[in-house]
N, C-alpha and C. Protein backbone atom coordinates (compact mmCIF):
# COMPACT_ATOMS: atom_id res chain seq x y z
N MET A 1 -7.81 -4.04 -9.11
CA MET A 1 -6.60 -3.67 -9.80
C MET A 1 -5.43 -4.41 -9.15
N LYS A 2 -4.53 -4.93 -9.97
CA LYS A 2 -3.36 -5.64 -9.47
C LYS A 2 -2.19 -4.66 -9.40
N ILE A 3 -1.51 -4.61 -8.24
CA ILE A 3 -0.37 -3.71 -8.07
C ILE A 3 0.79 -4.45 -7.42
N ASN A 4 1.98 -3.88 -7.59
CA ASN A 4 3.20 -4.39 -6.98
C ASN A 4 3.43 -3.61 -5.68
N VAL A 5 3.16 -4.24 -4.55
CA VAL A 5 3.33 -3.59 -3.24
C VAL A 5 4.80 -3.59 -2.88
N ILE A 6 5.36 -2.39 -2.64
CA ILE A 6 6.77 -2.28 -2.29
C ILE A 6 6.99 -1.82 -0.85
N GLY A 7 5.91 -1.50 -0.14
CA GLY A 7 6.03 -1.11 1.25
C GLY A 7 4.70 -0.65 1.83
N PHE A 8 4.63 -0.59 3.16
CA PHE A 8 3.44 -0.08 3.83
C PHE A 8 3.82 0.36 5.24
N GLU A 9 3.02 1.27 5.79
CA GLU A 9 3.25 1.75 7.15
C GLU A 9 1.92 2.15 7.77
N SER A 10 1.83 2.04 9.09
CA SER A 10 0.63 2.50 9.78
C SER A 10 1.03 3.08 11.13
N SER A 11 0.21 4.01 11.58
CA SER A 11 0.46 4.68 12.84
C SER A 11 -0.88 4.97 13.51
N GLU A 12 -0.99 4.62 14.77
CA GLU A 12 -2.20 4.88 15.53
C GLU A 12 -1.81 5.43 16.89
N GLY A 13 -2.63 6.30 17.43
CA GLY A 13 -2.35 6.86 18.74
C GLY A 13 -3.27 8.02 19.07
N VAL A 14 -2.81 8.86 20.00
CA VAL A 14 -3.56 10.03 20.42
C VAL A 14 -2.67 11.25 20.22
N SER A 15 -3.20 12.27 19.56
CA SER A 15 -2.44 13.49 19.29
C SER A 15 -2.10 14.21 20.59
N LYS A 16 -0.84 14.60 20.72
CA LYS A 16 -0.41 15.36 21.90
C LYS A 16 -0.98 16.77 21.90
N LYS A 17 -1.19 17.33 20.69
CA LYS A 17 -1.73 18.69 20.57
C LYS A 17 -3.21 18.77 20.88
N THR A 18 -4.00 17.88 20.25
CA THR A 18 -5.45 17.98 20.36
C THR A 18 -6.08 16.97 21.31
N GLY A 19 -5.35 15.91 21.63
CA GLY A 19 -5.91 14.86 22.47
C GLY A 19 -6.85 13.93 21.72
N GLN A 20 -6.97 14.11 20.40
CA GLN A 20 -7.85 13.29 19.58
C GLN A 20 -7.12 12.05 19.05
N PRO A 21 -7.82 10.93 18.95
CA PRO A 21 -7.19 9.73 18.39
C PRO A 21 -6.96 9.88 16.89
N TYR A 22 -5.93 9.21 16.37
CA TYR A 22 -5.66 9.21 14.94
C TYR A 22 -5.26 7.81 14.50
N ALA A 23 -5.49 7.53 13.23
CA ALA A 23 -5.11 6.26 12.62
C ALA A 23 -4.77 6.55 11.16
N ILE A 24 -3.51 6.35 10.80
CA ILE A 24 -3.03 6.66 9.46
C ILE A 24 -2.36 5.41 8.88
N GLY A 25 -2.75 5.06 7.66
CA GLY A 25 -2.13 3.95 6.97
C GLY A 25 -1.75 4.36 5.57
N LYS A 26 -0.60 3.87 5.10
CA LYS A 26 -0.14 4.17 3.74
C LYS A 26 0.39 2.89 3.11
N LEU A 27 0.10 2.74 1.82
CA LEU A 27 0.60 1.62 1.05
C LEU A 27 1.39 2.21 -0.11
N TYR A 28 2.58 1.69 -0.35
CA TYR A 28 3.45 2.17 -1.43
C TYR A 28 3.50 1.11 -2.52
N ALA A 29 3.36 1.55 -3.77
CA ALA A 29 3.32 0.62 -4.90
C ALA A 29 4.22 1.09 -6.03
N ALA A 30 4.69 0.14 -6.82
CA ALA A 30 5.45 0.43 -8.04
C ALA A 30 4.51 0.17 -9.20
N LEU A 31 4.17 1.23 -9.93
CA LEU A 31 3.26 1.13 -11.06
C LEU A 31 4.04 1.18 -12.36
N PRO A 32 3.72 0.31 -13.32
CA PRO A 32 4.45 0.32 -14.59
C PRO A 32 4.17 1.60 -15.37
N LEU A 33 5.23 2.15 -15.96
CA LEU A 33 5.08 3.33 -16.82
C LEU A 33 4.50 2.88 -18.15
N ALA A 34 3.58 3.65 -18.65
CA ALA A 34 2.99 3.36 -19.96
C ALA A 34 2.94 4.65 -20.74
N GLY A 35 3.02 4.53 -22.00
CA GLY A 35 2.94 5.75 -22.79
C GLY A 35 3.71 5.64 -24.08
N SER A 36 4.48 6.65 -24.34
CA SER A 36 5.17 6.77 -25.62
C SER A 36 6.28 5.74 -25.78
N LYS A 37 6.73 5.63 -27.00
CA LYS A 37 7.82 4.73 -27.35
C LYS A 37 9.05 5.11 -26.53
N GLY A 38 9.73 4.12 -26.00
CA GLY A 38 10.93 4.38 -25.21
C GLY A 38 10.66 4.51 -23.72
N THR A 39 9.41 4.40 -23.30
CA THR A 39 9.08 4.48 -21.87
C THR A 39 9.21 3.10 -21.26
N LYS A 40 10.03 2.99 -20.22
CA LYS A 40 10.25 1.71 -19.56
C LYS A 40 10.38 1.93 -18.07
N GLY A 41 10.04 0.92 -17.29
CA GLY A 41 10.26 0.97 -15.86
C GLY A 41 9.00 1.18 -15.05
N TYR A 42 9.21 1.64 -13.82
CA TYR A 42 8.14 1.79 -12.85
C TYR A 42 8.20 3.16 -12.19
N MET A 43 7.06 3.57 -11.64
CA MET A 43 6.95 4.83 -10.91
C MET A 43 6.32 4.53 -9.56
N GLY A 44 6.82 5.13 -8.50
CA GLY A 44 6.27 4.92 -7.18
C GLY A 44 4.99 5.70 -6.96
N SER A 45 4.09 5.12 -6.17
CA SER A 45 2.83 5.78 -5.83
C SER A 45 2.49 5.46 -4.39
N GLU A 46 1.79 6.38 -3.74
CA GLU A 46 1.39 6.23 -2.34
C GLU A 46 -0.13 6.30 -2.25
N TYR A 47 -0.72 5.36 -1.50
CA TYR A 47 -2.16 5.33 -1.32
C TYR A 47 -2.48 5.32 0.17
N ARG A 48 -3.53 6.03 0.56
CA ARG A 48 -4.00 5.99 1.94
C ARG A 48 -4.91 4.79 2.14
N CYS A 49 -4.88 4.23 3.35
CA CYS A 49 -5.80 3.17 3.72
C CYS A 49 -5.85 3.10 5.24
N GLU A 50 -6.88 2.47 5.75
CA GLU A 50 -7.04 2.33 7.19
C GLU A 50 -6.01 1.31 7.70
N PRO A 51 -5.44 1.54 8.89
CA PRO A 51 -4.51 0.56 9.46
C PRO A 51 -5.11 -0.84 9.58
N SER A 52 -6.42 -0.94 9.78
CA SER A 52 -7.07 -2.25 9.87
C SER A 52 -6.93 -3.04 8.57
N VAL A 53 -6.91 -2.35 7.43
CA VAL A 53 -6.71 -3.00 6.13
C VAL A 53 -5.27 -3.51 6.03
N LEU A 54 -4.31 -2.71 6.50
CA LEU A 54 -2.90 -3.10 6.44
C LEU A 54 -2.57 -4.27 7.37
N LYS A 55 -3.32 -4.41 8.46
CA LYS A 55 -3.06 -5.52 9.40
C LYS A 55 -3.24 -6.87 8.73
N LYS A 56 -4.05 -6.92 7.67
CA LYS A 56 -4.26 -8.17 6.95
C LYS A 56 -3.03 -8.60 6.15
N ILE A 57 -2.11 -7.67 5.87
CA ILE A 57 -0.92 -8.01 5.07
C ILE A 57 0.39 -7.81 5.84
N GLU A 58 0.32 -7.43 7.12
CA GLU A 58 1.53 -7.09 7.86
C GLU A 58 2.51 -8.24 8.00
N HIS A 59 2.06 -9.47 7.84
CA HIS A 59 2.95 -10.63 7.93
C HIS A 59 3.67 -10.93 6.62
N ASN A 60 3.38 -10.17 5.57
CA ASN A 60 4.02 -10.37 4.26
C ASN A 60 5.20 -9.42 4.09
N ALA A 61 6.26 -9.91 3.47
CA ALA A 61 7.44 -9.10 3.21
C ALA A 61 7.38 -8.54 1.79
N PRO A 62 7.38 -7.22 1.64
CA PRO A 62 7.41 -6.62 0.30
C PRO A 62 8.73 -6.94 -0.40
N PRO A 63 8.78 -6.95 -1.68
CA PRO A 63 7.70 -6.67 -2.62
C PRO A 63 6.84 -7.91 -2.86
N PHE A 64 5.55 -7.69 -3.16
CA PHE A 64 4.65 -8.75 -3.56
C PHE A 64 3.50 -8.16 -4.36
N MET A 65 2.87 -8.99 -5.18
CA MET A 65 1.74 -8.56 -5.98
C MET A 65 0.47 -8.74 -5.16
N ALA A 66 -0.47 -7.81 -5.35
CA ALA A 66 -1.74 -7.89 -4.63
C ALA A 66 -2.86 -7.31 -5.47
N GLU A 67 -4.04 -7.81 -5.23
CA GLU A 67 -5.25 -7.27 -5.84
C GLU A 67 -5.82 -6.27 -4.84
N VAL A 68 -6.04 -5.03 -5.27
CA VAL A 68 -6.55 -4.00 -4.37
C VAL A 68 -7.87 -3.44 -4.90
N GLU A 69 -8.69 -2.97 -3.96
CA GLU A 69 -9.95 -2.33 -4.30
C GLU A 69 -9.91 -0.90 -3.75
N PHE A 70 -10.24 0.06 -4.59
CA PHE A 70 -10.22 1.48 -4.23
C PHE A 70 -11.63 2.00 -3.99
N GLN A 71 -11.68 3.08 -3.22
CA GLN A 71 -12.93 3.81 -3.02
C GLN A 71 -12.59 5.30 -2.99
N ASP A 72 -13.41 6.11 -3.62
CA ASP A 72 -13.22 7.56 -3.56
C ASP A 72 -13.77 8.08 -2.24
N VAL A 73 -12.99 8.93 -1.56
CA VAL A 73 -13.40 9.54 -0.30
C VAL A 73 -13.11 11.04 -0.36
N MET A 74 -13.82 11.81 0.44
CA MET A 74 -13.56 13.24 0.56
C MET A 74 -12.67 13.43 1.79
N ARG A 75 -11.53 14.07 1.58
CA ARG A 75 -10.59 14.34 2.68
C ARG A 75 -10.19 15.80 2.58
N PHE A 76 -10.54 16.57 3.60
CA PHE A 76 -10.25 18.01 3.64
C PHE A 76 -10.78 18.72 2.39
N GLY A 77 -11.99 18.33 1.96
CA GLY A 77 -12.63 18.98 0.83
C GLY A 77 -12.14 18.57 -0.54
N GLU A 78 -11.31 17.54 -0.61
CA GLU A 78 -10.80 17.06 -1.90
C GLU A 78 -11.08 15.57 -2.06
N ARG A 79 -11.39 15.17 -3.29
CA ARG A 79 -11.60 13.76 -3.58
C ARG A 79 -10.26 13.05 -3.66
N GLN A 80 -10.15 11.92 -2.96
CA GLN A 80 -8.94 11.11 -3.00
C GLN A 80 -9.32 9.64 -3.10
N GLN A 81 -8.43 8.83 -3.65
CA GLN A 81 -8.64 7.39 -3.68
C GLN A 81 -8.05 6.78 -2.42
N GLN A 82 -8.79 5.87 -1.82
CA GLN A 82 -8.33 5.18 -0.62
C GLN A 82 -8.51 3.68 -0.85
N ILE A 83 -7.54 2.88 -0.42
CA ILE A 83 -7.63 1.43 -0.57
C ILE A 83 -8.52 0.89 0.54
N VAL A 84 -9.50 0.07 0.16
CA VAL A 84 -10.41 -0.51 1.15
C VAL A 84 -10.24 -2.03 1.27
N SER A 85 -9.49 -2.64 0.34
CA SER A 85 -9.27 -4.08 0.39
C SER A 85 -7.95 -4.42 -0.29
N ILE A 86 -7.18 -5.31 0.35
CA ILE A 86 -5.91 -5.78 -0.21
C ILE A 86 -5.89 -7.30 -0.08
N VAL A 87 -5.68 -7.99 -1.20
CA VAL A 87 -5.58 -9.45 -1.20
C VAL A 87 -4.30 -9.83 -1.93
N PRO A 88 -3.26 -10.28 -1.20
CA PRO A 88 -2.02 -10.68 -1.86
C PRO A 88 -2.25 -11.85 -2.81
N THR A 89 -1.51 -11.84 -3.92
CA THR A 89 -1.53 -12.96 -4.85
C THR A 89 -0.68 -14.05 -4.23
N ALA A 90 -1.28 -15.18 -3.92
CA ALA A 90 -0.64 -16.24 -3.14
C ALA A 90 0.71 -16.68 -3.69
N SER A 91 0.86 -16.79 -5.00
CA SER A 91 2.11 -17.29 -5.58
C SER A 91 3.25 -16.29 -5.45
N GLU A 92 2.95 -15.02 -5.18
CA GLU A 92 3.96 -13.97 -5.12
C GLU A 92 4.41 -13.62 -3.71
N VAL A 93 3.72 -14.13 -2.69
CA VAL A 93 3.94 -13.69 -1.31
C VAL A 93 5.07 -14.45 -0.64
N LYS A 94 5.93 -13.71 0.08
CA LYS A 94 6.98 -14.28 0.91
C LYS A 94 6.71 -13.84 2.35
N PRO A 95 6.72 -14.76 3.32
CA PRO A 95 6.50 -14.35 4.70
C PRO A 95 7.60 -13.40 5.17
N ALA A 96 7.26 -12.48 6.07
CA ALA A 96 8.23 -11.55 6.63
C ALA A 96 9.37 -12.31 7.28
N GLY A 97 10.58 -11.83 7.12
CA GLY A 97 11.75 -12.46 7.70
C GLY A 97 12.36 -13.55 6.82
N THR A 98 11.78 -13.80 5.67
CA THR A 98 12.30 -14.80 4.74
C THR A 98 13.52 -14.23 4.02
N ALA A 99 14.63 -14.93 4.12
CA ALA A 99 15.84 -14.48 3.45
C ALA A 99 15.75 -14.80 1.96
N VAL A 100 16.26 -13.90 1.16
CA VAL A 100 16.31 -14.11 -0.28
C VAL A 100 17.74 -14.48 -0.65
N ARG A 101 17.91 -15.62 -1.30
CA ARG A 101 19.23 -16.10 -1.67
C ARG A 101 19.71 -15.35 -2.91
N PRO A 102 20.92 -14.76 -2.87
CA PRO A 102 21.44 -14.05 -4.04
C PRO A 102 21.67 -15.00 -5.20
N ALA A 103 21.54 -14.48 -6.40
CA ALA A 103 21.72 -15.29 -7.62
C ALA A 103 23.17 -15.59 -7.88
């Protein structure tokens, strides 16, 4: 599925409460609205993914288009979609720190 990536974050460490390691990754996307006549624009969505998956795109500056692959996982007894692969569309990617010239 092709999505418009508008942000991502990851956090890894050891919990102060439990002493257990944690790794949390999130990818934020703008999805086009579809539906009835008069519907226009985008809606934000958040997807979970492993920080190791996000490390592959951390050098890219959002927004950019990417091809993503999802997998259903069970988390706390509920089915959720998790991103397992992200491949930026080469023509849409800008390296992090690239200034955008105003029009």
